[in-house]
Amino acid sequence: MDTNDAVDLKEWGDKAGTLCVDWFPKIAALRKGEYNDALWQKLTGQTVDQLWKQFIETLN
């Protein structure tokens, strides 16, 4: 994420960029209806509920 025009937001921008890269494929899959807990557990080692809890915690 380019933060040259807002240097004071660099830390936030870096964190937001990382979250977007990590979470976009997960959210896109959920939107397509791929809400299969067994598949998510196989891919990530966590259930969908655990992943959402982790995501919500990163917003704090």
C-alpha atoms as a PDB file:
ATOM      1  CA  MET A   1       0.000   0.000   0.000  1.00  0.00           C
ATOM      2  CA  ASP A   2       1.436   3.375  -1.017  1.00  0.00           C
ATOM      3  CA  THR A   3       1.563   5.677   2.008  1.00  0.00           C
ATOM      4  CA  ASN A   4       3.898   8.353   0.623  1.00  0.00           C
ATOM      5  CA  ASP A   5       1.198  11.021   0.897  1.00  0.00           C
ATOM      6  CA  ALA A   6       0.245  10.008   4.446  1.00  0.00           C
ATOM      7  CA  VAL A   7       3.433   8.880   6.166  1.00  0.00           C
ATOM      8  CA  ASP A   8       1.721   8.890   9.567  1.00  0.00           C
ATOM      9  CA  LEU A   9      -0.605   6.140   8.311  1.00  0.00           C
ATOM     10  CA  LYS A  10       2.176   3.822   7.098  1.00  0.00           C
ATOM     11  CA  GLU A  11       1.820   1.325   9.965  1.00  0.00           C
ATOM     12  CA  TRP A  12      -1.952   1.156   9.505  1.00  0.00           C
ATOM     13  CA  GLY A  13      -1.578   0.873   5.720  1.00  0.00           C
ATOM     14  CA  ASP A  14       0.902  -1.961   6.015  1.00  0.00           C
ATOM     15  CA  LYS A  15      -1.411  -3.839   8.364  1.00  0.00           C
ATOM     16  CA  ALA A  16      -4.438  -3.203   6.143  1.00  0.00           C
ATOM     17  CA  GLY A  17      -2.541  -4.364   3.060  1.00  0.00           C
ATOM     18  CA  THR A  18      -1.515  -7.598   4.767  1.00  0.00           C
ATOM     19  CA  LEU A  19      -5.069  -8.227   5.974  1.00  0.00           C
ATOM     20  CA  CYS A  20      -6.456  -7.680   2.477  1.00  0.00           C
ATOM     21  CA  VAL A  21      -4.005 -10.143   0.945  1.00  0.00           C
ATOM     22  CA  ASP A  22      -4.764 -12.724   3.638  1.00  0.00           C
ATOM     23  CA  TRP A  23      -8.534 -12.324   3.797  1.00  0.00           C
ATOM     24  CA  PHE A  24      -9.690 -11.487   0.257  1.00  0.00           C
ATOM     25  CA  PRO A  25      -9.550 -15.098  -1.023  1.00  0.00           C
ATOM     26  CA  LYS A  26     -11.326 -16.363   2.087  1.00  0.00           C
ATOM     27  CA  ILE A  27     -14.126 -13.809   1.847  1.00  0.00           C
ATOM     28  CA  ALA A  28     -14.449 -14.347  -1.923  1.00  0.00           C
ATOM     29  CA  ALA A  29     -14.838 -18.089  -1.392  1.00  0.00           C
ATOM     30  CA  LEU A  30     -17.496 -17.538   1.264  1.00  0.00           C
ATOM     31  CA  ARG A  31     -19.404 -15.211  -1.083  1.00  0.00           C
ATOM     32  CA  LYS A  32     -19.365 -17.909  -3.779  1.00  0.00           C
ATOM     33  CA  GLY A  33     -21.057 -20.249  -1.323  1.00  0.00           C
ATOM     34  CA  GLU A  34     -18.042 -22.363  -0.519  1.00  0.00           C
ATOM     35  CA  TYR A  35     -18.983 -22.480   3.146  1.00  0.00           C
ATOM     36  CA  ASN A  36     -17.732 -25.975   3.757  1.00  0.00           C
ATOM     37  CA  ASP A  37     -16.231 -26.257   7.216  1.00  0.00           C
ATOM     38  CA  ALA A  38     -14.305 -29.443   6.385  1.00  0.00           C
ATOM     39  CA  LEU A  39     -12.697 -27.800   3.352  1.00  0.00           C
ATOM     40  CA  TRP A  40     -11.722 -24.687   5.321  1.00  0.00           C
ATOM     41  CA  GLN A  41     -10.275 -26.837   8.089  1.00  0.00           C
ATOM     42  CA  LYS A  42      -8.250 -28.763   5.511  1.00  0.00           C
ATOM     43  CA  LEU A  43      -6.962 -25.587   3.826  1.00  0.00           C
ATOM     44  CA  THR A  44      -6.265 -23.471   6.888  1.00  0.00           C
ATOM     45  CA  GLY A  45      -6.302 -25.792   9.871  1.00  0.00           C
ATOM     46  CA  GLN A  46      -9.220 -23.809  11.299  1.00  0.00           C
ATOM     47  CA  THR A  47     -12.995 -23.802  11.034  1.00  0.00           C
ATOM     48  CA  VAL A  48     -14.780 -20.896   9.365  1.00  0.00           C
ATOM     49  CA  ASP A  49     -15.966 -19.682  12.776  1.00  0.00           C
ATOM     50  CA  GLN A  50     -12.385 -19.692  14.078  1.00  0.00           C
ATOM     51  CA  LEU A  51     -11.202 -17.772  11.010  1.00  0.00           C
ATOM     52  CA  TRP A  52     -13.928 -15.129  11.388  1.00  0.00           C
ATOM     53  CA  LYS A  53     -13.105 -14.736  15.086  1.00  0.00           C
ATOM     54  CA  GLN A  54      -9.448 -14.253  14.168  1.00  0.00           C
ATOM     55  CA  PHE A  55     -10.383 -11.716  11.494  1.00  0.00           C
ATOM     56  CA  ILE A  56     -12.600  -9.727  13.865  1.00  0.00           C
ATOM     57  CA  GLU A  57      -9.794  -9.661  16.446  1.00  0.00           C
ATOM     58  CA  THR A  58      -7.429  -8.117  13.869  1.00  0.00           C
ATOM     59  CA  LEU A  59      -9.817  -5.179  13.485  1.00  0.00           C
ATOM     60  CA  ASN A  60      -9.384  -4.149  17.118  1.00  0.00           C
END
